[in-house]
Amino acid sequence: MRVSTGTDRRVRPLSTVAQWKAHEWKTWLLCWIPILKGILDGKVLTLLSKFTLGILLVLEDAITQDSLQRSRLLLEEFCGNVQKQFGMEQCTFNLHILSHVAYTVRNWGPLW
């Protein structure tokens, strides 16, 4: 399946995920919830939705304090539930880094 990013670029197949560029990951964040609805368990989809919204909030051109706070809470909730949902082996350094996103954006600006 190919998904348009709104430009002439397209997301490569999931089989090439290890080689994806940032624009492909951003596009996937924008479209994966509707694509996986009905495939993933509702609890998992809800948890992943929190991650998606938390990241999308800090990708905006201008971020309000309310958006930053909401992003922080969503990402904290996501991180706090990963172990319960997916197991301790998924609690990696990359997961831990999400707990610092709001602080980093507050100091350095949007993630884009």
PDB file of N, CA and C in Angstrom:
ATOM      1  N   MET A   1       0.842  -1.185   0.000  1.00  0.00           N
ATOM      2  CA  MET A   1       0.000   0.000   0.000  1.00  0.00           C
ATOM      3  C   MET A   1       0.880   1.239   0.000  1.00  0.00           C
ATOM      4  N   ARG A   2       0.552   2.188  -0.823  1.00  0.00           N
ATOM      5  CA  ARG A   2       1.289   3.438  -0.867  1.00  0.00           C
ATOM      6  C   ARG A   2       0.385   4.551  -0.355  1.00  0.00           C
ATOM      7  N   VAL A   3       0.950   5.433   0.434  1.00  0.00           N
ATOM      8  CA  VAL A   3       0.206   6.553   1.012  1.00  0.00           C
ATOM      9  C   VAL A   3       0.854   7.838   0.540  1.00  0.00           C
ATOM     10  N   SER A   4       0.052   8.744   0.009  1.00  0.00           N
ATOM     11  CA  SER A   4       0.585  10.028  -0.429  1.00  0.00           C
ATOM     12  C   SER A   4       0.862  10.907   0.774  1.00  0.00           C
ATOM     13  N   THR A   5       1.940  11.667   0.703  1.00  0.00           N
ATOM     14  CA  THR A   5       2.284  12.580   1.794  1.00  0.00           C
ATOM     15  C   THR A   5       1.831  14.000   1.492  1.00  0.00           C
ATOM     16  N   GLY A   6       1.065  14.160   0.418  1.00  0.00           N
ATOM     17  CA  GLY A   6       0.638  15.501   0.046  1.00  0.00           C
ATOM     18  C   GLY A   6       1.632  16.173  -0.890  1.00  0.00           C
ATOM     19  N   THR A   7       2.711  15.516  -1.174  1.00  0.00           N
ATOM     20  CA  THR A   7       3.695  16.000  -2.127  1.00  0.00           C
ATOM     21  C   THR A   7       3.898  14.902  -3.152  1.00  0.00           C
ATOM     22  N   ASP A   8       4.929  15.006  -3.929  1.00  0.00           N
ATOM     23  CA  ASP A   8       5.183  13.947  -4.901  1.00  0.00           C
ATOM     24  C   ASP A   8       5.880  12.740  -4.270  1.00  0.00           C
ATOM     25  N   ARG A   9       6.215  12.842  -2.986  1.00  0.00           N
ATOM     26  CA  ARG A   9       6.843  11.719  -2.288  1.00  0.00           C
ATOM     27  C   ARG A   9       5.795  10.718  -1.847  1.00  0.00           C
ATOM     28  N   ARG A  10       6.184   9.473  -1.798  1.00  0.00           N
ATOM     29  CA  ARG A  10       5.305   8.427  -1.298  1.00  0.00           C
ATOM     30  C   ARG A  10       6.044   7.641  -0.221  1.00  0.00           C
ATOM     31  N   VAL A  11       5.256   7.066   0.674  1.00  0.00           N
ATOM     32  CA  VAL A  11       5.823   6.210   1.707  1.00  0.00           C
ATOM     33  C   VAL A  11       6.139   4.865   1.072  1.00  0.00           C
ATOM     34  N   ARG A  12       7.319   4.377   1.358  1.00  0.00           N
ATOM     35  CA  ARG A  12       7.692   3.055   0.847  1.00  0.00           C
ATOM     36  C   ARG A  12       6.946   1.978   1.630  1.00  0.00           C
ATOM     37  N   PRO A  13       6.917   0.766   1.128  1.00  0.00           N
ATOM     38  CA  PRO A  13       6.198  -0.324   1.815  1.00  0.00           C
ATOM     39  C   PRO A  13       6.727  -0.569   3.226  1.00  0.00           C
ATOM     40  N   LEU A  14       5.876  -1.147   4.070  1.00  0.00           N
ATOM     41  CA  LEU A  14       6.272  -1.472   5.440  1.00  0.00           C
ATOM     42  C   LEU A  14       7.467  -2.416   5.480  1.00  0.00           C
ATOM     43  N   SER A  15       7.642  -3.197   4.449  1.00  0.00           N
ATOM     44  CA  SER A  15       8.791  -4.116   4.421  1.00  0.00           C
ATOM     45  C   SER A  15      10.124  -3.370   4.377  1.00  0.00           C
ATOM     46  N   THR A  16      10.088  -2.069   4.068  1.00  0.00           N
ATOM     47  CA  THR A  16      11.311  -1.260   4.009  1.00  0.00           C
ATOM     48  C   THR A  16      11.416  -0.294   5.183  1.00  0.00           C
ATOM     49  N   VAL A  17      10.668  -0.536   6.247  1.00  0.00           N
ATOM     50  CA  VAL A  17      10.586   0.396   7.373  1.00  0.00           C
ATOM     51  C   VAL A  17      11.964   0.738   7.957  1.00  0.00           C
ATOM     52  N   ALA A  18      12.887  -0.160   7.914  1.00  0.00           N
ATOM     53  CA  ALA A  18      14.230   0.106   8.460  1.00  0.00           C
ATOM     54  C   ALA A  18      14.946   1.214   7.692  1.00  0.00           C
ATOM     55  N   GLN A  19      14.530   1.494   6.465  1.00  0.00           N
ATOM     56  CA  GLN A  19      15.167   2.531   5.654  1.00  0.00           C
ATOM     57  C   GLN A  19      14.320   3.807   5.539  1.00  0.00           C
ATOM     58  N   TRP A  20      13.201   3.867   6.240  1.00  0.00           N
ATOM     59  CA  TRP A  20      12.321   5.026   6.113  1.00  0.00           C
ATOM     60  C   TRP A  20      13.021   6.309   6.535  1.00  0.00           C
ATOM     61  N   LYS A  21      12.644   7.389   5.875  1.00  0.00           N
ATOM     62  CA  LYS A  21      13.108   8.736   6.191  1.00  0.00           C
ATOM     63  C   LYS A  21      12.080   9.401   7.114  1.00  0.00           C
ATOM     64  N   ALA A  22      12.428  10.555   7.647  1.00  0.00           N
ATOM     65  CA  ALA A  22      11.556  11.260   8.596  1.00  0.00           C
ATOM     66  C   ALA A  22      10.175  11.552   8.014  1.00  0.00           C
ATOM     67  N   HIS A  23      10.105  11.966   6.742  1.00  0.00           N
ATOM     68  CA  HIS A  23       8.789  12.280   6.167  1.00  0.00           C
ATOM     69  C   HIS A  23       7.899  11.039   6.094  1.00  0.00           C
ATOM     70  N   GLU A  24       8.510   9.869   5.914  1.00  0.00           N
ATOM     71  CA  GLU A  24       7.721   8.637   5.862  1.00  0.00           C
ATOM     72  C   GLU A  24       7.168   8.287   7.239  1.00  0.00           C
ATOM     73  N   TRP A  25       7.967   8.509   8.284  1.00  0.00           N
ATOM     74  CA  TRP A  25       7.491   8.264   9.645  1.00  0.00           C
ATOM     75  C   TRP A  25       6.387   9.244  10.016  1.00  0.00           C
ATOM     76  N   LYS A  26       6.534  10.498   9.613  1.00  0.00           N
ATOM     77  CA  LYS A  26       5.495  11.491   9.908  1.00  0.00           C
ATOM     78  C   LYS A  26       4.192  11.108   9.207  1.00  0.00           C
ATOM     79  N   THR A  27       4.277  10.699   7.961  1.00  0.00           N
ATOM     80  CA  THR A  27       3.085  10.275   7.224  1.00  0.00           C
ATOM     81  C   THR A  27       2.449   9.068   7.896  1.00  0.00           C
ATOM     82  N   TRP A  28       3.264   8.106   8.317  1.00  0.00           N
ATOM     83  CA  TRP A  28       2.747   6.930   9.006  1.00  0.00           C
ATOM     84  C   TRP A  28       2.025   7.335  10.285  1.00  0.00           C
ATOM     85  N   LEU A  29       2.592   8.288  11.030  1.00  0.00           N
ATOM     86  CA  LEU A  29       1.927   8.781  12.245  1.00  0.00           C
ATOM     87  C   LEU A  29       0.559   9.365  11.935  1.00  0.00           C
ATOM     88  N   LEU A  30       0.441  10.017  10.801  1.00  0.00           N
ATOM     89  CA  LEU A  30      -0.824  10.646  10.426  1.00  0.00           C
ATOM     90  C   LEU A  30      -1.885   9.635   9.994  1.00  0.00           C
ATOM     91  N   CYS A  31      -1.471   8.479   9.504  1.00  0.00           N
ATOM     92  CA  CYS A  31      -2.464   7.576   8.913  1.00  0.00           C
ATOM     93  C   CYS A  31      -2.550   6.196   9.545  1.00  0.00           C
ATOM     94  N   TRP A  32      -1.691   5.811  10.482  1.00  0.00           N
ATOM     95  CA  TRP A  32      -1.684   4.430  10.944  1.00  0.00           C
ATOM     96  C   TRP A  32      -2.883   4.037  11.782  1.00  0.00           C
ATOM     97  N   ILE A  33      -3.466   4.953  12.520  1.00  0.00           N
ATOM     98  CA  ILE A  33      -4.596   4.594  13.375  1.00  0.00           C
ATOM     99  C   ILE A  33      -5.784   4.117  12.539  1.00  0.00           C
ATOM    100  N   PRO A  34      -6.218   4.877  11.523  1.00  0.00           N
ATOM    101  CA  PRO A  34      -7.333   4.366  10.715  1.00  0.00           C
ATOM    102  C   PRO A  34      -6.981   3.087   9.950  1.00  0.00           C
ATOM    103  N   ILE A  35      -5.740   2.959   9.531  1.00  0.00           N
ATOM    104  CA  ILE A  35      -5.327   1.757   8.788  1.00  0.00           C
ATOM    105  C   ILE A  35      -5.390   0.525   9.686  1.00  0.00           C
ATOM    106  N   LEU A  36      -4.973   0.668  10.940  1.00  0.00           N
ATOM    107  CA  LEU A  36      -4.898  -0.481  11.846  1.00  0.00           C
ATOM    108  C   LEU A  36      -6.181  -0.731  12.634  1.00  0.00           C
ATOM    109  N   LYS A  37      -7.172   0.152  12.479  1.00  0.00           N
ATOM    110  CA  LYS A  37      -8.455  -0.042  13.162  1.00  0.00           C
ATOM    111  C   LYS A  37      -9.088  -1.338  12.646  1.00  0.00           C
ATOM    112  N   GLY A  38      -9.492  -2.175  13.552  1.00  0.00           N
ATOM    113  CA  GLY A  38     -10.059  -3.457  13.178  1.00  0.00           C
ATOM    114  C   GLY A  38      -9.015  -4.565  13.091  1.00  0.00           C
ATOM    115  N   ILE A  39      -7.742  -4.172  13.049  1.00  0.00           N
ATOM    116  CA  ILE A  39      -6.654  -5.154  13.011  1.00  0.00           C
ATOM    117  C   ILE A  39      -6.078  -5.320  14.411  1.00  0.00           C
ATOM    118  N   LEU A  40      -5.839  -4.193  15.077  1.00  0.00           N
ATOM    119  CA  LEU A  40      -5.295  -4.220  16.435  1.00  0.00           C
ATOM    120  C   LEU A  40      -6.416  -4.214  17.457  1.00  0.00           C
ATOM    121  N   ASP A  41      -6.136  -4.766  18.615  1.00  0.00           N
ATOM    122  CA  ASP A  41      -7.039  -4.724  19.748  1.00  0.00           C
ATOM    123  C   ASP A  41      -7.350  -3.265  20.097  1.00  0.00           C
ATOM    124  N   GLY A  42      -8.554  -2.982  20.542  1.00  0.00           N
ATOM    125  CA  GLY A  42      -8.968  -1.627  20.877  1.00  0.00           C
ATOM    126  C   GLY A  42      -8.095  -0.956  21.919  1.00  0.00           C
ATOM    127  N   LYS A  43      -7.644  -1.715  22.932  1.00  0.00           N
ATOM    128  CA  LYS A  43      -6.770  -1.151  23.961  1.00  0.00           C
ATOM    129  C   LYS A  43      -5.435  -0.717  23.370  1.00  0.00           C
ATOM    130  N   VAL A  44      -4.894  -1.540  22.503  1.00  0.00           N
ATOM    131  CA  VAL A  44      -3.616  -1.227  21.866  1.00  0.00           C
ATOM    132  C   VAL A  44      -3.775  -0.007  20.973  1.00  0.00           C
ATOM    133  N   LEU A  45      -4.849   0.035  20.214  1.00  0.00           N
ATOM    134  CA  LEU A  45      -5.092   1.164  19.320  1.00  0.00           C
ATOM    135  C   LEU A  45      -5.251   2.463  20.109  1.00  0.00           C
ATOM    136  N   THR A  46      -5.945   2.403  21.228  1.00  0.00           N
ATOM    137  CA  THR A  46      -6.108   3.585  22.085  1.00  0.00           C
ATOM    138  C   THR A  46      -4.759   4.042  22.628  1.00  0.00           C
ATOM    139  N   LEU A  47      -3.942   3.100  23.071  1.00  0.00           N
ATOM    140  CA  LEU A  47      -2.622   3.438  23.593  1.00  0.00           C
ATOM    141  C   LEU A  47      -1.749   4.059  22.502  1.00  0.00           C
ATOM    142  N   LEU A  48      -1.742   3.477  21.324  1.00  0.00           N
ATOM    143  CA  LEU A  48      -0.950   4.016  20.219  1.00  0.00           C
ATOM    144  C   LEU A  48      -1.473   5.376  19.769  1.00  0.00           C
ATOM    145  N   SER A  49      -2.768   5.591  19.902  1.00  0.00           N
ATOM    146  CA  SER A  49      -3.349   6.903  19.561  1.00  0.00           C
ATOM    147  C   SER A  49      -2.805   7.991  20.473  1.00  0.00           C
ATOM    148  N   LYS A  50      -2.570   7.656  21.724  1.00  0.00           N
ATOM    149  CA  LYS A  50      -2.001   8.633  22.667  1.00  0.00           C
ATOM    150  C   LYS A  50      -0.588   9.027  22.238  1.00  0.00           C
ATOM    151  N   PHE A  51       0.186   8.038  21.813  1.00  0.00           N
ATOM    152  CA  PHE A  51       1.527   8.318  21.303  1.00  0.00           C
ATOM    153  C   PHE A  51       1.444   9.224  20.077  1.00  0.00           C
ATOM    154  N   THR A  52       0.584   8.866  19.144  1.00  0.00           N
ATOM    155  CA  THR A  52       0.449   9.632  17.905  1.00  0.00           C
ATOM    156  C   THR A  52       0.079  11.077  18.185  1.00  0.00           C
ATOM    157  N   LEU A  53      -0.954  11.297  18.972  1.00  0.00           N
ATOM    158  CA  LEU A  53      -1.381  12.664  19.255  1.00  0.00           C
ATOM    159  C   LEU A  53      -0.310  13.416  20.033  1.00  0.00           C
ATOM    160  N   GLY A  54       0.323  12.756  20.982  1.00  0.00           N
ATOM    161  CA  GLY A  54       1.388  13.406  21.754  1.00  0.00           C
ATOM    162  C   GLY A  54       2.512  13.913  20.870  1.00  0.00           C
ATOM    163  N   ILE A  55       2.888  13.136  19.872  1.00  0.00           N
ATOM    164  CA  ILE A  55       3.950  13.554  18.947  1.00  0.00           C
ATOM    165  C   ILE A  55       3.448  14.605  17.966  1.00  0.00           C
ATOM    166  N   LEU A  56       2.265  14.410  17.416  1.00  0.00           N
ATOM    167  CA  LEU A  56       1.745  15.376  16.446  1.00  0.00           C
ATOM    168  C   LEU A  56       1.595  16.773  17.055  1.00  0.00           C
ATOM    169  N   LEU A  57       1.263  16.840  18.334  1.00  0.00           N
ATOM    170  CA  LEU A  57       1.122  18.141  18.994  1.00  0.00           C
ATOM    171  C   LEU A  57       2.426  18.928  19.018  1.00  0.00           C
ATOM    172  N   VAL A  58       3.557  18.236  19.070  1.00  0.00           N
ATOM    173  CA  VAL A  58       4.840  18.941  19.123  1.00  0.00           C
ATOM    174  C   VAL A  58       5.507  19.049  17.752  1.00  0.00           C
ATOM    175  N   LEU A  59       4.776  18.678  16.709  1.00  0.00           N
ATOM    176  CA  LEU A  59       5.254  18.856  15.344  1.00  0.00           C
ATOM    177  C   LEU A  59       4.638  20.094  14.680  1.00  0.00           C
ATOM    178  N   GLU A  60       3.743  20.762  15.378  1.00  0.00           N
ATOM    179  CA  GLU A  60       3.092  21.962  14.836  1.00  0.00           C
ATOM    180  C   GLU A  60       4.110  23.084  14.661  1.00  0.00           C
ATOM    181  N   ASP A  61       3.772  24.050  13.810  1.00  0.00           N
ATOM    182  CA  ASP A  61       4.651  25.206  13.614  1.00  0.00           C
ATOM    183  C   ASP A  61       4.722  26.082  14.864  1.00  0.00           C
ATOM    184  N   ALA A  62       3.584  26.240  15.524  1.00  0.00           N
ATOM    185  CA  ALA A  62       3.513  27.023  16.758  1.00  0.00           C
ATOM    186  C   ALA A  62       2.833  26.153  17.814  1.00  0.00           C
ATOM    187  N   ILE A  63       3.431  26.093  18.985  1.00  0.00           N
ATOM    188  CA  ILE A  63       2.927  25.216  20.033  1.00  0.00           C
ATOM    189  C   ILE A  63       2.574  26.053  21.256  1.00  0.00           C
ATOM    190  N   THR A  64       1.332  25.931  21.695  1.00  0.00           N
ATOM    191  CA  THR A  64       0.902  26.644  22.892  1.00  0.00           C
ATOM    192  C   THR A  64       1.337  25.873  24.133  1.00  0.00           C
ATOM    193  N   GLN A  65       1.306  26.535  25.277  1.00  0.00           N
ATOM    194  CA  GLN A  65       1.623  25.865  26.536  1.00  0.00           C
ATOM    195  C   GLN A  65       0.622  24.742  26.811  1.00  0.00           C
ATOM    196  N   ASP A  66      -0.653  24.968  26.432  1.00  0.00           N
ATOM    197  CA  ASP A  66      -1.671  23.930  26.621  1.00  0.00           C
ATOM    198  C   ASP A  66      -1.367  22.697  25.773  1.00  0.00           C
ATOM    199  N   SER A  67      -0.953  22.919  24.520  1.00  0.00           N
ATOM    200  CA  SER A  67      -0.602  21.796  23.645  1.00  0.00           C
ATOM    201  C   SER A  67       0.611  21.056  24.171  1.00  0.00           C
ATOM    202  N   LEU A  68       1.568  21.793  24.665  1.00  0.00           N
ATOM    203  CA  LEU A  68       2.775  21.184  25.207  1.00  0.00           C
ATOM    204  C   LEU A  68       2.446  20.340  26.441  1.00  0.00           C
ATOM    205  N   GLN A  69       1.604  20.863  27.298  1.00  0.00           N
ATOM    206  CA  GLN A  69       1.175  20.130  28.494  1.00  0.00           C
ATOM    207  C   GLN A  69       0.388  18.876  28.102  1.00  0.00           C
ATOM    208  N   ARG A  70      -0.500  19.022  27.128  1.00  0.00           N
ATOM    209  CA  ARG A  70      -1.288  17.867  26.673  1.00  0.00           C
ATOM    210  C   ARG A  70      -0.376  16.795  26.079  1.00  0.00           C
ATOM    211  N   SER A  71       0.599  17.209  25.286  1.00  0.00           N
ATOM    212  CA  SER A  71       1.551  16.276  24.704  1.00  0.00           C
ATOM    213  C   SER A  71       2.306  15.531  25.808  1.00  0.00           C
ATOM    214  N   ARG A  72       2.767  16.267  26.802  1.00  0.00           N
ATOM    215  CA  ARG A  72       3.510  15.661  27.911  1.00  0.00           C
ATOM    216  C   ARG A  72       2.666  14.599  28.608  1.00  0.00           C
ATOM    217  N   LEU A  73       1.414  14.931  28.899  1.00  0.00           N
ATOM    218  CA  LEU A  73       0.536  13.984  29.590  1.00  0.00           C
ATOM    219  C   LEU A  73       0.248  12.746  28.742  1.00  0.00           C
ATOM    220  N   LEU A  74       0.000  12.948  27.454  1.00  0.00           N
ATOM    221  CA  LEU A  74      -0.265  11.818  26.562  1.00  0.00           C
ATOM    222  C   LEU A  74       0.943  10.895  26.452  1.00  0.00           C
ATOM    223  N   LEU A  75       2.122  11.484  26.310  1.00  0.00           N
ATOM    224  CA  LEU A  75       3.329  10.669  26.173  1.00  0.00           C
ATOM    225  C   LEU A  75       3.678   9.968  27.482  1.00  0.00           C
ATOM    226  N   GLU A  76       3.453  10.619  28.610  1.00  0.00           N
ATOM    227  CA  GLU A  76       3.673   9.971  29.903  1.00  0.00           C
ATOM    228  C   GLU A  76       2.728   8.789  30.080  1.00  0.00           C
ATOM    229  N   GLU A  77       1.478   8.994  29.686  1.00  0.00           N
ATOM    230  CA  GLU A  77       0.504   7.906  29.796  1.00  0.00           C
ATOM    231  C   GLU A  77       0.881   6.749  28.872  1.00  0.00           C
ATOM    232  N   PHE A  78       1.318   7.087  27.661  1.00  0.00           N
ATOM    233  CA  PHE A  78       1.765   6.050  26.728  1.00  0.00           C
ATOM    234  C   PHE A  78       2.941   5.265  27.326  1.00  0.00           C
ATOM    235  N   CYS A  79       3.959   5.980  27.757  1.00  0.00           N
ATOM    236  CA  CYS A  79       5.156   5.318  28.314  1.00  0.00           C
ATOM    237  C   CYS A  79       4.814   4.478  29.532  1.00  0.00           C
ATOM    238  N   GLY A  80       3.946   4.997  30.374  1.00  0.00           N
ATOM    239  CA  GLY A  80       3.577   4.289  31.591  1.00  0.00           C
ATOM    240  C   GLY A  80       2.802   3.006  31.353  1.00  0.00           C
ATOM    241  N   ASN A  81       2.198   2.879  30.185  1.00  0.00           N
ATOM    242  CA  ASN A  81       1.394   1.692  29.896  1.00  0.00           C
ATOM    243  C   ASN A  81       2.045   0.713  28.934  1.00  0.00           C
ATOM    244  N   VAL A  82       3.188   1.062  28.382  1.00  0.00           N
ATOM    245  CA  VAL A  82       3.862   0.169  27.436  1.00  0.00           C
ATOM    246  C   VAL A  82       4.218  -1.165  28.089  1.00  0.00           C
ATOM    247  N   GLN A  83       4.782  -1.134  29.290  1.00  0.00           N
ATOM    248  CA  GLN A  83       5.165  -2.375  29.950  1.00  0.00           C
ATOM    249  C   GLN A  83       3.954  -3.274  30.167  1.00  0.00           C
ATOM    250  N   LYS A  84       2.860  -2.712  30.654  1.00  0.00           N
ATOM    251  CA  LYS A  84       1.658  -3.511  30.899  1.00  0.00           C
ATOM    252  C   LYS A  84       1.121  -4.125  29.614  1.00  0.00           C
ATOM    253  N   GLN A  85       1.150  -3.349  28.547  1.00  0.00           N
ATOM    254  CA  GLN A  85       0.552  -3.786  27.290  1.00  0.00           C
ATOM    255  C   GLN A  85       1.470  -4.682  26.459  1.00  0.00           C
ATOM    256  N   PHE A  86       2.772  -4.358  26.417  1.00  0.00           N
ATOM    257  CA  PHE A  86       3.677  -5.036  25.491  1.00  0.00           C
ATOM    258  C   PHE A  86       4.801  -5.822  26.161  1.00  0.00           C
ATOM    259  N   GLY A  87       5.007  -5.609  27.467  1.00  0.00           N
ATOM    260  CA  GLY A  87       6.061  -6.336  28.166  1.00  0.00           C
ATOM    261  C   GLY A  87       7.288  -5.476  28.426  1.00  0.00           C
ATOM    262  N   MET A  88       8.049  -5.884  29.418  1.00  0.00           N
ATOM    263  CA  MET A  88       9.236  -5.144  29.853  1.00  0.00           C
ATOM    264  C   MET A  88      10.276  -5.003  28.747  1.00  0.00           C
ATOM    265  N   GLU A  89      10.364  -5.973  27.860  1.00  0.00           N
ATOM    266  CA  GLU A  89      11.376  -5.914  26.794  1.00  0.00           C
ATOM    267  C   GLU A  89      11.166  -4.736  25.843  1.00  0.00           C
ATOM    268  N   GLN A  90       9.995  -4.133  25.862  1.00  0.00           N
ATOM    269  CA  GLN A  90       9.727  -2.964  25.012  1.00  0.00           C
ATOM    270  C   GLN A  90      10.073  -1.643  25.704  1.00  0.00           C
ATOM    271  N   CYS A  91      10.451  -1.710  26.963  1.00  0.00           N
ATOM    272  CA  CYS A  91      10.815  -0.509  27.723  1.00  0.00           C
ATOM    273  C   CYS A  91      12.285  -0.186  27.456  1.00  0.00           C
ATOM    274  N   THR A  92      12.528   0.449  26.346  1.00  0.00           N
ATOM    275  CA  THR A  92      13.887   0.734  25.885  1.00  0.00           C
ATOM    276  C   THR A  92      14.255   2.191  26.136  1.00  0.00           C
ATOM    277  N   PHE A  93      15.486   2.520  25.818  1.00  0.00           N
ATOM    278  CA  PHE A  93      15.944   3.898  25.924  1.00  0.00           C
ATOM    279  C   PHE A  93      15.101   4.816  25.036  1.00  0.00           C
ATOM    280  N   ASN A  94      14.734   4.350  23.844  1.00  0.00           N
ATOM    281  CA  ASN A  94      13.912   5.170  22.949  1.00  0.00           C
ATOM    282  C   ASN A  94      12.567   5.504  23.591  1.00  0.00           C
ATOM    283  N   LEU A  95      12.005   4.582  24.342  1.00  0.00           N
ATOM    284  CA  LEU A  95      10.763   4.848  25.049  1.00  0.00           C
ATOM    285  C   LEU A  95      11.006   5.891  26.139  1.00  0.00           C
ATOM    286  N   HIS A  96      12.090   5.743  26.861  1.00  0.00           N
ATOM    287  CA  HIS A  96      12.421   6.695  27.925  1.00  0.00           C
ATOM    288  C   HIS A  96      12.588   8.121  27.375  1.00  0.00           C
ATOM    289  N   ILE A  97      13.181   8.242  26.216  1.00  0.00           N
ATOM    290  CA  ILE A  97      13.411   9.561  25.599  1.00  0.00           C
ATOM    291  C   ILE A  97      12.097  10.327  25.430  1.00  0.00           C
ATOM    292  N   LEU A  98      10.992   9.612  25.208  1.00  0.00           N
ATOM    293  CA  LEU A  98       9.698  10.282  25.045  1.00  0.00           C
ATOM    294  C   LEU A  98       9.320  11.091  26.282  1.00  0.00           C
ATOM    295  N   SER A  99       9.804  10.694  27.434  1.00  0.00           N
ATOM    296  CA  SER A  99       9.481  11.437  28.654  1.00  0.00           C
ATOM    297  C   SER A  99      10.161  12.802  28.682  1.00  0.00           C
ATOM    298  N   HIS A 100      11.094  13.052  27.775  1.00  0.00           N
ATOM    299  CA  HIS A 100      11.809  14.325  27.721  1.00  0.00           C
ATOM    300  C   HIS A 100      11.370  15.214  26.558  1.00  0.00           C
ATOM    301  N   VAL A 101      10.407  14.770  25.769  1.00  0.00           N
ATOM    302  CA  VAL A 101      10.001  15.513  24.572  1.00  0.00           C
ATOM    303  C   VAL A 101       9.470  16.900  24.926  1.00  0.00           C
ATOM    304  N   ALA A 102       8.544  16.985  25.865  1.00  0.00           N
ATOM    305  CA  ALA A 102       7.943  18.287  26.203  1.00  0.00           C
ATOM    306  C   ALA A 102       9.006  19.271  26.696  1.00  0.00           C
ATOM    307  N   TYR A 103       9.895  18.807  27.550  1.00  0.00           N
ATOM    308  CA  TYR A 103      10.969  19.657  28.057  1.00  0.00           C
ATOM    309  C   TYR A 103      11.846  20.156  26.910  1.00  0.00           C
ATOM    310  N   THR A 104      12.196  19.257  26.003  1.00  0.00           N
ATOM    311  CA  THR A 104      13.045  19.612  24.871  1.00  0.00           C
ATOM    312  C   THR A 104      12.358  20.619  23.957  1.00  0.00           C
ATOM    313  N   VAL A 105      11.081  20.401  23.674  1.00  0.00           N
ATOM    314  CA  VAL A 105      10.330  21.321  22.812  1.00  0.00           C
ATOM    315  C   VAL A 105      10.178  22.681  23.488  1.00  0.00           C
ATOM    316  N   ARG A 106       9.945  22.688  24.775  1.00  0.00           N
ATOM    317  CA  ARG A 106       9.831  23.958  25.506  1.00  0.00           C
ATOM    318  C   ARG A 106      11.126  24.768  25.369  1.00  0.00           C
ATOM    319  N   ASN A 107      12.264  24.093  25.408  1.00  0.00           N
ATOM    320  CA  ASN A 107      13.556  24.782  25.342  1.00  0.00           C
ATOM    321  C   ASN A 107      14.067  25.051  23.936  1.00  0.00           C
ATOM    322  N   TRP A 108      13.738  24.189  22.985  1.00  0.00           N
ATOM    323  CA  TRP A 108      14.339  24.281  21.661  1.00  0.00           C
ATOM    324  C   TRP A 108      13.352  24.483  20.519  1.00  0.00           C
ATOM    325  N   GLY A 109      12.057  24.332  20.792  1.00  0.00           N
ATOM    326  CA  GLY A 109      11.062  24.535  19.745  1.00  0.00           C
ATOM    327  C   GLY A 109      10.531  23.227  19.178  1.00  0.00           C
ATOM    328  N   PRO A 110       9.609  23.334  18.218  1.00  0.00           N
ATOM    329  CA  PRO A 110       8.935  22.160  17.644  1.00  0.00           C
ATOM    330  C   PRO A 110       9.914  21.122  17.096  1.00  0.00           C
ATOM    331  N   LEU A 111       9.461  19.882  17.058  1.00  0.00           N
ATOM    332  CA  LEU A 111      10.318  18.782  16.595  1.00  0.00           C
ATOM    333  C   LEU A 111      10.613  18.831  15.107  1.00  0.00           C
ATOM    334  N   TRP A 112       9.774  19.468  14.330  1.00  0.00           N
ATOM    335  CA  TRP A 112      10.001  19.476  12.875  1.00  0.00           C
ATOM    336  C   TRP A 112      11.345  20.037  12.555  1.00  0.00           C
TER     337      TRP A 112
END
